[in-house]
Amino acid sequence: MASESLISQLIPDDSTANRKRLSALHRATTTYPPTFLAIPQFDATVAPTQSWRFAEKLRSLGVEVETGRADGGGHCFDRQGGDLNQEGGQWWDGVTRPALDFLVRHLMAAR
């Protein structure tokens, strides 16, 4: 079992129907919460096209969604890049700061 991927261990039924059943894209409804998506350009784990499609799906349902794009970043871009993630860096300004602002805005609104 060690050679199997984690996802195949967790979800052994890799059928299209099962993938659709588990997909956020296919499960989103008008009651989905406000969402911020950090989308790295070179994500090998979650294809960026999937993230953009999900953002559009949420918008089409009337859900508030904001996105931040990490140009040149991979899946864990927040752990890469050194100065890019520091205040004033490209990923800080384009993703991290907007995500924090989004979070604070929604937390304050919920008070």
PDB file of N, CA and C in Angstrom:
ATOM      1  N   MET A   1       0.815  -1.190   0.000  1.00  0.00           N
ATOM      2  CA  MET A   1       0.000   0.000   0.000  1.00  0.00           C
ATOM      3  C   MET A   1       0.863   1.260   0.000  1.00  0.00           C
ATOM      4  N   ALA A   2       2.105   1.161   0.370  1.00  0.00           N
ATOM      5  CA  ALA A   2       2.982   2.329   0.439  1.00  0.00           C
ATOM      6  C   ALA A   2       3.179   2.986  -0.923  1.00  0.00           C
ATOM      7  N   SER A   3       3.057   2.221  -2.002  1.00  0.00           N
ATOM      8  CA  SER A   3       3.265   2.798  -3.329  1.00  0.00           C
ATOM      9  C   SER A   3       2.027   3.539  -3.845  1.00  0.00           C
ATOM     10  N   GLU A   4       0.885   3.356  -3.207  1.00  0.00           N
ATOM     11  CA  GLU A   4      -0.322   4.058  -3.628  1.00  0.00           C
ATOM     12  C   GLU A   4      -0.264   5.522  -3.200  1.00  0.00           C
ATOM     13  N   SER A   5      -0.904   6.371  -3.982  1.00  0.00           N
ATOM     14  CA  SER A   5      -0.973   7.775  -3.593  1.00  0.00           C
ATOM     15  C   SER A   5      -1.947   7.923  -2.433  1.00  0.00           C
ATOM     16  N   LEU A   6      -1.783   8.996  -1.683  1.00  0.00           N
ATOM     17  CA  LEU A   6      -2.672   9.256  -0.557  1.00  0.00           C
ATOM     18  C   LEU A   6      -4.118   9.352  -1.028  1.00  0.00           C
ATOM     19  N   ILE A   7      -4.336  10.046  -2.143  1.00  0.00           N
ATOM     20  CA  ILE A   7      -5.705  10.220  -2.628  1.00  0.00           C
ATOM     21  C   ILE A   7      -6.335   8.874  -3.008  1.00  0.00           C
ATOM     22  N   SER A   8      -5.548   7.962  -3.598  1.00  0.00           N
ATOM     23  CA  SER A   8      -6.125   6.660  -3.964  1.00  0.00           C
ATOM     24  C   SER A   8      -6.377   5.805  -2.724  1.00  0.00           C
ATOM     25  N   GLN A   9      -5.629   6.063  -1.641  1.00  0.00           N
ATOM     26  CA  GLN A   9      -5.914   5.370  -0.384  1.00  0.00           C
ATOM     27  C   GLN A   9      -7.191   5.907   0.251  1.00  0.00           C
ATOM     28  N   LEU A  10      -7.380   7.221   0.161  1.00  0.00           N
ATOM     29  CA  LEU A  10      -8.561   7.831   0.759  1.00  0.00           C
ATOM     30  C   LEU A  10      -9.817   7.621  -0.073  1.00  0.00           C
ATOM     31  N   ILE A  11      -9.643   7.629  -1.396  1.00  0.00           N
ATOM     32  CA  ILE A  11     -10.783   7.508  -2.308  1.00  0.00           C
ATOM     33  C   ILE A  11     -10.459   6.413  -3.323  1.00  0.00           C
ATOM     34  N   PRO A  12     -10.632   5.146  -2.936  1.00  0.00           N
ATOM     35  CA  PRO A  12     -10.260   4.053  -3.835  1.00  0.00           C
ATOM     36  C   PRO A  12     -11.100   3.974  -5.108  1.00  0.00           C
ATOM     37  N   ASP A  13     -12.338   4.454  -5.056  1.00  0.00           N
ATOM     38  CA  ASP A  13     -13.201   4.429  -6.235  1.00  0.00           C
ATOM     39  C   ASP A  13     -12.913   5.677  -7.062  1.00  0.00           C
ATOM     40  N   ASP A  14     -12.097   5.535  -8.099  1.00  0.00           N
ATOM     41  CA  ASP A  14     -11.682   6.673  -8.917  1.00  0.00           C
ATOM     42  C   ASP A  14     -12.585   6.870 -10.134  1.00  0.00           C
ATOM     43  N   SER A  15     -13.811   6.398 -10.054  1.00  0.00           N
ATOM     44  CA  SER A  15     -14.726   6.532 -11.186  1.00  0.00           C
ATOM     45  C   SER A  15     -15.093   7.997 -11.394  1.00  0.00           C
ATOM     46  N   THR A  16     -15.497   8.323 -12.597  1.00  0.00           N
ATOM     47  CA  THR A  16     -15.905   9.692 -12.915  1.00  0.00           C
ATOM     48  C   THR A  16     -17.071  10.109 -12.030  1.00  0.00           C
ATOM     49  N   ALA A  17     -18.014   9.225 -11.817  1.00  0.00           N
ATOM     50  CA  ALA A  17     -19.173   9.549 -10.988  1.00  0.00           C
ATOM     51  C   ALA A  17     -18.742   9.865  -9.559  1.00  0.00           C
ATOM     52  N   ASN A  18     -17.808   9.110  -9.033  1.00  0.00           N
ATOM     53  CA  ASN A  18     -17.352   9.342  -7.668  1.00  0.00           C
ATOM     54  C   ASN A  18     -16.550  10.641  -7.582  1.00  0.00           C
ATOM     55  N   ARG A  19     -15.726  10.898  -8.576  1.00  0.00           N
ATOM     56  CA  ARG A  19     -14.965  12.157  -8.576  1.00  0.00           C
ATOM     57  C   ARG A  19     -15.914  13.350  -8.623  1.00  0.00           C
ATOM     58  N   LYS A  20     -16.959  13.245  -9.425  1.00  0.00           N
ATOM     59  CA  LYS A  20     -17.948  14.324  -9.524  1.00  0.00           C
ATOM     60  C   LYS A  20     -18.670  14.517  -8.193  1.00  0.00           C
ATOM     61  N   ARG A  21     -18.991  13.426  -7.547  1.00  0.00           N
ATOM     62  CA  ARG A  21     -19.699  13.471  -6.269  1.00  0.00           C
ATOM     63  C   ARG A  21     -18.863  14.187  -5.211  1.00  0.00           C
ATOM     64  N   LEU A  22     -17.552  14.046  -5.277  1.00  0.00           N
ATOM     65  CA  LEU A  22     -16.656  14.631  -4.283  1.00  0.00           C
ATOM     66  C   LEU A  22     -16.127  16.014  -4.678  1.00  0.00           C
ATOM     67  N   SER A  23     -16.393  16.434  -5.882  1.00  0.00           N
ATOM     68  CA  SER A  23     -15.848  17.679  -6.416  1.00  0.00           C
ATOM     69  C   SER A  23     -16.578  18.909  -5.885  1.00  0.00           C
ATOM     70  N   ALA A  24     -15.817  19.870  -5.358  1.00  0.00           N
ATOM     71  CA  ALA A  24     -16.414  21.133  -4.912  1.00  0.00           C
ATOM     72  C   ALA A  24     -17.101  21.841  -6.075  1.00  0.00           C
ATOM     73  N   LEU A  25     -16.548  21.718  -7.268  1.00  0.00           N
ATOM     74  CA  LEU A  25     -17.139  22.353  -8.446  1.00  0.00           C
ATOM     75  C   LEU A  25     -18.575  21.886  -8.662  1.00  0.00           C
ATOM     76  N   HIS A  26     -18.813  20.614  -8.444  1.00  0.00           N
ATOM     77  CA  HIS A  26     -20.142  20.048  -8.672  1.00  0.00           C
ATOM     78  C   HIS A  26     -21.035  20.103  -7.438  1.00  0.00           C
ATOM     79  N   ARG A  27     -20.483  20.439  -6.289  1.00  0.00           N
ATOM     80  CA  ARG A  27     -21.262  20.493  -5.049  1.00  0.00           C
ATOM     81  C   ARG A  27     -21.635  21.916  -4.638  1.00  0.00           C
ATOM     82  N   ALA A  28     -21.052  22.907  -5.284  1.00  0.00           N
ATOM     83  CA  ALA A  28     -21.307  24.300  -4.914  1.00  0.00           C
ATOM     84  C   ALA A  28     -22.764  24.669  -5.160  1.00  0.00           C
ATOM     85  N   THR A  29     -23.314  25.441  -4.216  1.00  0.00           N
ATOM     86  CA  THR A  29     -24.691  25.926  -4.334  1.00  0.00           C
ATOM     87  C   THR A  29     -24.712  27.411  -3.973  1.00  0.00           C
ATOM     88  N   THR A  30     -25.865  28.004  -4.044  1.00  0.00           N
ATOM     89  CA  THR A  30     -26.003  29.431  -3.713  1.00  0.00           C
ATOM     90  C   THR A  30     -25.719  29.705  -2.241  1.00  0.00           C
ATOM     91  N   THR A  31     -25.687  28.676  -1.414  1.00  0.00           N
ATOM     92  CA  THR A  31     -25.405  28.866   0.011  1.00  0.00           C
ATOM     93  C   THR A  31     -23.925  28.693   0.342  1.00  0.00           C
ATOM     94  N   TYR A  32     -23.098  28.518  -0.669  1.00  0.00           N
ATOM     95  CA  TYR A  32     -21.650  28.379  -0.450  1.00  0.00           C
ATOM     96  C   TYR A  32     -21.140  29.663   0.198  1.00  0.00           C
ATOM     97  N   PRO A  33     -20.232  29.577   1.144  1.00  0.00           N
ATOM     98  CA  PRO A  33     -19.770  30.784   1.845  1.00  0.00           C
ATOM     99  C   PRO A  33     -18.872  31.656   0.964  1.00  0.00           C
ATOM    100  N   PRO A  34     -18.729  32.930   1.316  1.00  0.00           N
ATOM    101  CA  PRO A  34     -17.784  33.788   0.596  1.00  0.00           C
ATOM    102  C   PRO A  34     -16.417  33.094   0.572  1.00  0.00           C
ATOM    103  N   THR A  35     -15.763  33.175  -0.568  1.00  0.00           N
ATOM    104  CA  THR A  35     -14.557  32.367  -0.783  1.00  0.00           C
ATOM    105  C   THR A  35     -13.434  33.190  -1.400  1.00  0.00           C
ATOM    106  N   PHE A  36     -12.222  33.004  -0.872  1.00  0.00           N
ATOM    107  CA  PHE A  36     -11.019  33.561  -1.479  1.00  0.00           C
ATOM    108  C   PHE A  36     -10.196  32.392  -1.983  1.00  0.00           C
ATOM    109  N   LEU A  37      -9.835  32.425  -3.256  1.00  0.00           N
ATOM    110  CA  LEU A  37      -9.008  31.371  -3.852  1.00  0.00           C
ATOM    111  C   LEU A  37      -7.626  31.926  -4.178  1.00  0.00           C
ATOM    112  N   ALA A  38      -6.609  31.332  -3.590  1.00  0.00           N
ATOM    113  CA  ALA A  38      -5.226  31.646  -3.933  1.00  0.00           C
ATOM    114  C   ALA A  38      -4.835  30.670  -5.042  1.00  0.00           C
ATOM    115  N   ILE A  39      -4.503  31.205  -6.214  1.00  0.00           N
ATOM    116  CA  ILE A  39      -4.288  30.341  -7.377  1.00  0.00           C
ATOM    117  C   ILE A  39      -2.856  30.505  -7.893  1.00  0.00           C
ATOM    118  N   PRO A  40      -1.993  29.518  -7.588  1.00  0.00           N
ATOM    119  CA  PRO A  40      -0.634  29.570  -8.103  1.00  0.00           C
ATOM    120  C   PRO A  40      -0.598  29.188  -9.586  1.00  0.00           C
ATOM    121  N   GLN A  41       0.273  29.849 -10.307  1.00  0.00           N
ATOM    122  CA  GLN A  41       0.362  29.646 -11.757  1.00  0.00           C
ATOM    123  C   GLN A  41       0.779  28.224 -12.127  1.00  0.00           C
ATOM    124  N   PHE A  42       1.676  27.628 -11.348  1.00  0.00           N
ATOM    125  CA  PHE A  42       2.215  26.307 -11.692  1.00  0.00           C
ATOM    126  C   PHE A  42       1.848  25.253 -10.661  1.00  0.00           C
ATOM    127  N   ASP A  43       0.590  25.201 -10.278  1.00  0.00           N
ATOM    128  CA  ASP A  43       0.130  24.227  -9.292  1.00  0.00           C
ATOM    129  C   ASP A  43       0.003  22.862  -9.958  1.00  0.00           C
ATOM    130  N   ALA A  44       0.812  21.910  -9.498  1.00  0.00           N
ATOM    131  CA  ALA A  44       0.761  20.554 -10.053  1.00  0.00           C
ATOM    132  C   ALA A  44      -0.211  19.669  -9.284  1.00  0.00           C
ATOM    133  N   THR A  45      -0.763  20.167  -8.168  1.00  0.00           N
ATOM    134  CA  THR A  45      -1.693  19.396  -7.356  1.00  0.00           C
ATOM    135  C   THR A  45      -3.134  19.713  -7.730  1.00  0.00           C
ATOM    136  N   VAL A  46      -3.443  20.985  -7.841  1.00  0.00           N
ATOM    137  CA  VAL A  46      -4.776  21.433  -8.272  1.00  0.00           C
ATOM    138  C   VAL A  46      -4.545  22.300  -9.510  1.00  0.00           C
ATOM    139  N   ALA A  47      -4.967  21.815 -10.645  1.00  0.00           N
ATOM    140  CA  ALA A  47      -4.737  22.560 -11.887  1.00  0.00           C
ATOM    141  C   ALA A  47      -5.342  23.960 -11.774  1.00  0.00           C
ATOM    142  N   PRO A  48      -4.564  24.993 -12.095  1.00  0.00           N
ATOM    143  CA  PRO A  48      -5.095  26.354 -12.018  1.00  0.00           C
ATOM    144  C   PRO A  48      -6.402  26.526 -12.790  1.00  0.00           C
ATOM    145  N   THR A  49      -6.544  25.839 -13.909  1.00  0.00           N
ATOM    146  CA  THR A  49      -7.792  25.950 -14.667  1.00  0.00           C
ATOM    147  C   THR A  49      -8.987  25.489 -13.833  1.00  0.00           C
ATOM    148  N   GLN A  50      -8.774  24.493 -12.967  1.00  0.00           N
ATOM    149  CA  GLN A  50      -9.857  24.036 -12.089  1.00  0.00           C
ATOM    150  C   GLN A  50     -10.243  25.121 -11.092  1.00  0.00           C
ATOM    151  N   SER A  51      -9.232  25.804 -10.553  1.00  0.00           N
ATOM    152  CA  SER A  51      -9.506  26.881  -9.592  1.00  0.00           C
ATOM    153  C   SER A  51     -10.250  28.027 -10.257  1.00  0.00           C
ATOM    154  N   TRP A  52      -9.834  28.403 -11.470  1.00  0.00           N
ATOM    155  CA  TRP A  52     -10.526  29.488 -12.181  1.00  0.00           C
ATOM    156  C   TRP A  52     -11.956  29.085 -12.515  1.00  0.00           C
ATOM    157  N   ARG A  53     -12.139  27.817 -12.924  1.00  0.00           N
ATOM    158  CA  ARG A  53     -13.498  27.325 -13.206  1.00  0.00           C
ATOM    159  C   ARG A  53     -14.365  27.362 -11.957  1.00  0.00           C
ATOM    160  N   PHE A  54     -13.771  26.998 -10.826  1.00  0.00           N
ATOM    161  CA  PHE A  54     -14.520  27.012  -9.568  1.00  0.00           C
ATOM    162  C   PHE A  54     -14.919  28.437  -9.201  1.00  0.00           C
ATOM    163  N   ALA A  55     -14.013  29.383  -9.380  1.00  0.00           N
ATOM    164  CA  ALA A  55     -14.330  30.792  -9.102  1.00  0.00           C
ATOM    165  C   ALA A  55     -15.497  31.252  -9.968  1.00  0.00           C
ATOM    166  N   GLU A  56     -15.464  30.916 -11.251  1.00  0.00           N
ATOM    167  CA  GLU A  56     -16.557  31.296 -12.151  1.00  0.00           C
ATOM    168  C   GLU A  56     -17.867  30.624 -11.764  1.00  0.00           C
ATOM    169  N   LYS A  57     -17.801  29.367 -11.366  1.00  0.00           N
ATOM    170  CA  LYS A  57     -19.007  28.647 -10.925  1.00  0.00           C
ATOM    171  C   LYS A  57     -19.617  29.356  -9.719  1.00  0.00           C
ATOM    172  N   LEU A  58     -18.782  29.708  -8.740  1.00  0.00           N
ATOM    173  CA  LEU A  58     -19.292  30.401  -7.554  1.00  0.00           C
ATOM    174  C   LEU A  58     -19.920  31.735  -7.941  1.00  0.00           C
ATOM    175  N   ARG A  59     -19.257  32.483  -8.813  1.00  0.00           N
ATOM    176  CA  ARG A  59     -19.808  33.775  -9.254  1.00  0.00           C
ATOM    177  C   ARG A  59     -21.162  33.578  -9.934  1.00  0.00           C
ATOM    178  N   SER A  60     -21.253  32.544 -10.751  1.00  0.00           N
ATOM    179  CA  SER A  60     -22.518  32.296 -11.457  1.00  0.00           C
ATOM    180  C   SER A  60     -23.647  31.949 -10.490  1.00  0.00           C
ATOM    181  N   LEU A  61     -23.288  31.476  -9.303  1.00  0.00           N
ATOM    182  CA  LEU A  61     -24.283  31.154  -8.274  1.00  0.00           C
ATOM    183  C   LEU A  61     -24.575  32.350  -7.369  1.00  0.00           C
ATOM    184  N   GLY A  62     -23.884  33.465  -7.626  1.00  0.00           N
ATOM    185  CA  GLY A  62     -24.081  34.655  -6.811  1.00  0.00           C
ATOM    186  C   GLY A  62     -23.274  34.662  -5.521  1.00  0.00           C
ATOM    187  N   VAL A  63     -22.300  33.773  -5.418  1.00  0.00           N
ATOM    188  CA  VAL A  63     -21.445  33.704  -4.241  1.00  0.00           C
ATOM    189  C   VAL A  63     -20.327  34.722  -4.385  1.00  0.00           C
ATOM    190  N   GLU A  64     -20.028  35.428  -3.302  1.00  0.00           N
ATOM    191  CA  GLU A  64     -18.903  36.363  -3.339  1.00  0.00           C
ATOM    192  C   GLU A  64     -17.608  35.554  -3.406  1.00  0.00           C
ATOM    193  N   VAL A  65     -16.795  35.858  -4.396  1.00  0.00           N
ATOM    194  CA  VAL A  65     -15.515  35.160  -4.550  1.00  0.00           C
ATOM    195  C   VAL A  65     -14.468  36.158  -5.018  1.00  0.00           C
ATOM    196  N   GLU A  66     -13.307  36.049  -4.421  1.00  0.00           N
ATOM    197  CA  GLU A  66     -12.156  36.837  -4.847  1.00  0.00           C
ATOM    198  C   GLU A  66     -11.010  35.875  -5.100  1.00  0.00           C
ATOM    199  N   THR A  67     -10.120  36.281  -5.988  1.00  0.00           N
ATOM    200  CA  THR A  67      -8.977  35.434  -6.319  1.00  0.00           C
ATOM    201  C   THR A  67      -7.687  36.230  -6.218  1.00  0.00           C
ATOM    202  N   GLY A  68      -6.626  35.505  -5.923  1.00  0.00           N
ATOM    203  CA  GLY A  68      -5.286  36.067  -5.956  1.00  0.00           C
ATOM    204  C   GLY A  68      -4.416  35.111  -6.742  1.00  0.00           C
ATOM    205  N   ARG A  69      -3.604  35.636  -7.630  1.00  0.00           N
ATOM    206  CA  ARG A  69      -2.783  34.796  -8.502  1.00  0.00           C
ATOM    207  C   ARG A  69      -1.318  34.904  -8.122  1.00  0.00           C
ATOM    208  N   ALA A  70      -0.710  33.747  -7.861  1.00  0.00           N
ATOM    209  CA  ALA A  70       0.716  33.694  -7.532  1.00  0.00           C
ATOM    210  C   ALA A  70       1.493  33.330  -8.791  1.00  0.00           C
ATOM    211  N   ASP A  71       1.841  34.348  -9.570  1.00  0.00           N
ATOM    212  CA  ASP A  71       2.601  34.109 -10.806  1.00  0.00           C
ATOM    213  C   ASP A  71       3.934  33.447 -10.478  1.00  0.00           C
ATOM    214  N   GLY A  72       4.200  32.328 -11.148  1.00  0.00           N
ATOM    215  CA  GLY A  72       5.456  31.609 -10.956  1.00  0.00           C
ATOM    216  C   GLY A  72       5.444  30.650  -9.783  1.00  0.00           C
ATOM    217  N   GLY A  73       4.346  30.623  -9.019  1.00  0.00           N
ATOM    218  CA  GLY A  73       4.292  29.780  -7.828  1.00  0.00           C
ATOM    219  C   GLY A  73       3.728  28.403  -8.088  1.00  0.00           C
ATOM    220  N   GLY A  74       4.083  27.473  -7.193  1.00  0.00           N
ATOM    221  CA  GLY A  74       3.548  26.123  -7.216  1.00  0.00           C
ATOM    222  C   GLY A  74       2.516  25.957  -6.117  1.00  0.00           C
ATOM    223  N   HIS A  75       2.116  24.714  -5.856  1.00  0.00           N
ATOM    224  CA  HIS A  75       1.017  24.434  -4.927  1.00  0.00           C
ATOM    225  C   HIS A  75       1.228  25.062  -3.547  1.00  0.00           C
ATOM    226  N   CYS A  76       2.383  24.965  -2.994  1.00  0.00           N
ATOM    227  CA  CYS A  76       2.669  25.556  -1.668  1.00  0.00           C
ATOM    228  C   CYS A  76       3.491  26.830  -1.842  1.00  0.00           C
ATOM    229  N   PHE A  77       3.024  27.710  -2.714  1.00  0.00           N
ATOM    230  CA  PHE A  77       3.788  28.915  -3.036  1.00  0.00           C
ATOM    231  C   PHE A  77       4.119  29.743  -1.807  1.00  0.00           C
ATOM    232  N   ASP A  78       3.269  29.669  -0.783  1.00  0.00           N
ATOM    233  CA  ASP A  78       3.516  30.463   0.426  1.00  0.00           C
ATOM    234  C   ASP A  78       4.752  29.983   1.184  1.00  0.00           C
ATOM    235  N   ARG A  79       5.254  28.803   0.847  1.00  0.00           N
ATOM    236  CA  ARG A  79       6.475  28.286   1.471  1.00  0.00           C
ATOM    237  C   ARG A  79       7.666  28.398   0.525  1.00  0.00           C
ATOM    238  N   GLN A  80       7.473  29.042  -0.590  1.00  0.00           N
ATOM    239  CA  GLN A  80       8.528  29.227  -1.585  1.00  0.00           C
ATOM    240  C   GLN A  80       8.791  30.717  -1.736  1.00  0.00           C
ATOM    241  N   GLY A  81       9.792  31.050  -2.466  1.00  0.00           N
ATOM    242  CA  GLY A  81       9.919  32.405  -2.957  1.00  0.00           C
ATOM    243  C   GLY A  81      10.594  33.446  -2.108  1.00  0.00           C
ATOM    244  N   GLY A  82      10.885  33.169  -0.845  1.00  0.00           N
ATOM    245  CA  GLY A  82      11.612  34.147  -0.041  1.00  0.00           C
ATOM    246  C   GLY A  82      10.989  35.534  -0.077  1.00  0.00           C
ATOM    247  N   ASP A  83      11.646  36.468  -0.743  1.00  0.00           N
ATOM    248  CA  ASP A  83      11.192  37.863  -0.784  1.00  0.00           C
ATOM    249  C   ASP A  83       9.826  38.030  -1.438  1.00  0.00           C
ATOM    250  N   LEU A  84       9.432  37.103  -2.296  1.00  0.00           N
ATOM    251  CA  LEU A  84       8.114  37.201  -2.929  1.00  0.00           C
ATOM    252  C   LEU A  84       6.996  37.152  -1.892  1.00  0.00           C
ATOM    253  N   ASN A  85       7.260  36.483  -0.762  1.00  0.00           N
ATOM    254  CA  ASN A  85       6.250  36.344   0.288  1.00  0.00           C
ATOM    255  C   ASN A  85       6.383  37.379   1.394  1.00  0.00           C
ATOM    256  N   GLN A  86       7.361  38.241   1.298  1.00  0.00           N
ATOM    257  CA  GLN A  86       7.534  39.291   2.306  1.00  0.00           C
ATOM    258  C   GLN A  86       6.654  40.481   1.948  1.00  0.00           C
ATOM    259  N   GLU A  87       6.324  41.272   2.945  1.00  0.00           N
ATOM    260  CA  GLU A  87       5.514  42.459   2.693  1.00  0.00           C
ATOM    261  C   GLU A  87       6.150  43.277   1.573  1.00  0.00           C
ATOM    262  N   GLY A  88       5.355  43.635   0.594  1.00  0.00           N
ATOM    263  CA  GLY A  88       5.849  44.356  -0.574  1.00  0.00           C
ATOM    264  C   GLY A  88       6.275  43.444  -1.710  1.00  0.00           C
ATOM    265  N   GLY A  89       6.365  42.143  -1.453  1.00  0.00           N
ATOM    266  CA  GLY A  89       6.719  41.182  -2.504  1.00  0.00           C
ATOM    267  C   GLY A  89       5.520  40.867  -3.379  1.00  0.00           C
ATOM    268  N   GLN A  90       5.784  40.321  -4.539  1.00  0.00           N
ATOM    269  CA  GLN A  90       4.732  40.049  -5.530  1.00  0.00           C
ATOM    270  C   GLN A  90       3.625  39.150  -4.981  1.00  0.00           C
ATOM    271  N   TRP A  91       3.980  38.062  -4.302  1.00  0.00           N
ATOM    272  CA  TRP A  91       2.941  37.151  -3.810  1.00  0.00           C
ATOM    273  C   TRP A  91       2.238  37.731  -2.594  1.00  0.00           C
ATOM    274  N   TRP A  92       2.972  38.492  -1.773  1.00  0.00           N
ATOM    275  CA  TRP A  92       2.333  39.147  -0.628  1.00  0.00           C
ATOM    276  C   TRP A  92       1.269  40.120  -1.127  1.00  0.00           C
ATOM    277  N   ASP A  93       1.655  40.970  -2.069  1.00  0.00           N
ATOM    278  CA  ASP A  93       0.737  41.994  -2.573  1.00  0.00           C
ATOM    279  C   ASP A  93      -0.403  41.410  -3.404  1.00  0.00           C
ATOM    280  N   GLY A  94      -0.123  40.338  -4.141  1.00  0.00           N
ATOM    281  CA  GLY A  94      -1.123  39.792  -5.055  1.00  0.00           C
ATOM    282  C   GLY A  94      -2.017  38.717  -4.464  1.00  0.00           C
ATOM    283  N   VAL A  95      -1.565  38.079  -3.367  1.00  0.00           N
ATOM    284  CA  VAL A  95      -2.342  36.963  -2.824  1.00  0.00           C
ATOM    285  C   VAL A  95      -2.515  37.069  -1.307  1.00  0.00           C
ATOM    286  N   THR A  96      -1.420  37.098  -0.584  1.00  0.00           N
ATOM    287  CA  THR A  96      -1.505  37.011   0.875  1.00  0.00           C
ATOM    288  C   THR A  96      -2.239  38.188   1.490  1.00  0.00           C
ATOM    289  N   ARG A  97      -1.857  39.399   1.121  1.00  0.00           N
ATOM    290  CA  ARG A  97      -2.513  40.585   1.696  1.00  0.00           C
ATOM    291  C   ARG A  97      -4.000  40.642   1.323  1.00  0.00           C
ATOM    292  N   PRO A  98      -4.351  40.423   0.039  1.00  0.00           N
ATOM    293  CA  PRO A  98      -5.780  40.411  -0.297  1.00  0.00           C
ATOM    294  C   PRO A  98      -6.558  39.307   0.431  1.00  0.00           C
ATOM    295  N   ALA A  99      -5.927  38.148   0.638  1.00  0.00           N
ATOM    296  CA  ALA A  99      -6.593  37.064   1.361  1.00  0.00           C
ATOM    297  C   ALA A  99      -6.835  37.456   2.813  1.00  0.00           C
ATOM    298  N   LEU A 100      -5.841  38.081   3.437  1.00  0.00           N
ATOM    299  CA  LEU A 100      -6.003  38.538   4.821  1.00  0.00           C
ATOM    300  C   LEU A 100      -7.082  39.616   4.919  1.00  0.00           C
ATOM    301  N   ASP A 101      -7.084  40.544   3.969  1.00  0.00           N
ATOM    302  CA  ASP A 101      -8.113  41.590   3.958  1.00  0.00           C
ATOM    303  C   ASP A 101      -9.511  40.982   3.816  1.00  0.00           C
ATOM    304  N   PHE A 102      -9.639  40.006   2.941  1.00  0.00           N
ATOM    305  CA  PHE A 102     -10.906  39.304   2.725  1.00  0.00           C
ATOM    306  C   PHE A 102     -11.365  38.643   4.025  1.00  0.00           C
ATOM    307  N   LEU A 103     -10.450  37.947   4.672  1.00  0.00           N
ATOM    308  CA  LEU A 103     -10.759  37.259   5.914  1.00  0.00           C
ATOM    309  C   LEU A 103     -11.197  38.239   7.004  1.00  0.00           C
ATOM    310  N   VAL A 104     -10.436  39.292   7.195  1.00  0.00           N
ATOM    311  CA  VAL A 104     -10.775  40.282   8.215  1.00  0.00           C
ATOM    312  C   VAL A 104     -12.130  40.918   7.924  1.00  0.00           C
ATOM    313  N   ARG A 105     -12.371  41.263   6.663  1.00  0.00           N
ATOM    314  CA  ARG A 105     -13.646  41.886   6.288  1.00  0.00           C
ATOM    315  C   ARG A 105     -14.819  40.980   6.648  1.00  0.00           C
ATOM    316  N   HIS A 106     -14.680  39.687   6.377  1.00  0.00           N
ATOM    317  CA  HIS A 106     -15.783  38.763   6.653  1.00  0.00           C
ATOM    318  C   HIS A 106     -15.899  38.427   8.128  1.00  0.00           C
ATOM    319  N   LEU A 107     -14.802  38.376   8.829  1.00  0.00           N
ATOM    320  CA  LEU A 107     -14.868  38.157  10.268  1.00  0.00           C
ATOM    321  C   LEU A 107     -15.510  39.346  10.982  1.00  0.00           C
ATOM    322  N   MET A 108     -15.150  40.533  10.551  1.00  0.00           N
ATOM    323  CA  MET A 108     -15.732  41.747  11.157  1.00  0.00           C
ATOM    324  C   MET A 108     -17.232  41.842  10.860  1.00  0.00           C
ATOM    325  N   ALA A 109     -17.624  41.452   9.668  1.00  0.00           N
ATOM    326  CA  ALA A 109     -19.046  41.497   9.293  1.00  0.00           C
ATOM    327  C   ALA A 109     -19.864  40.492  10.101  1.00  0.00           C
ATOM    328  N   ALA A 110     -19.214  39.423  10.547  1.00  0.00           N
ATOM    329  CA  ALA A 110     -19.917  38.386  11.288  1.00  0.00           C
ATOM    330  C   ALA A 110     -20.073  38.724  12.768  1.00  0.00           C
ATOM    331  N   ARG A 111     -19.443  39.786  13.212  1.00  0.00           N
ATOM    332  CA  ARG A 111     -19.497  40.158  14.650  1.00  0.00           C
ATOM    333  C   ARG A 111     -20.852  40.635  15.063  1.00  0.00           C
TER     334      ARG A 111
END
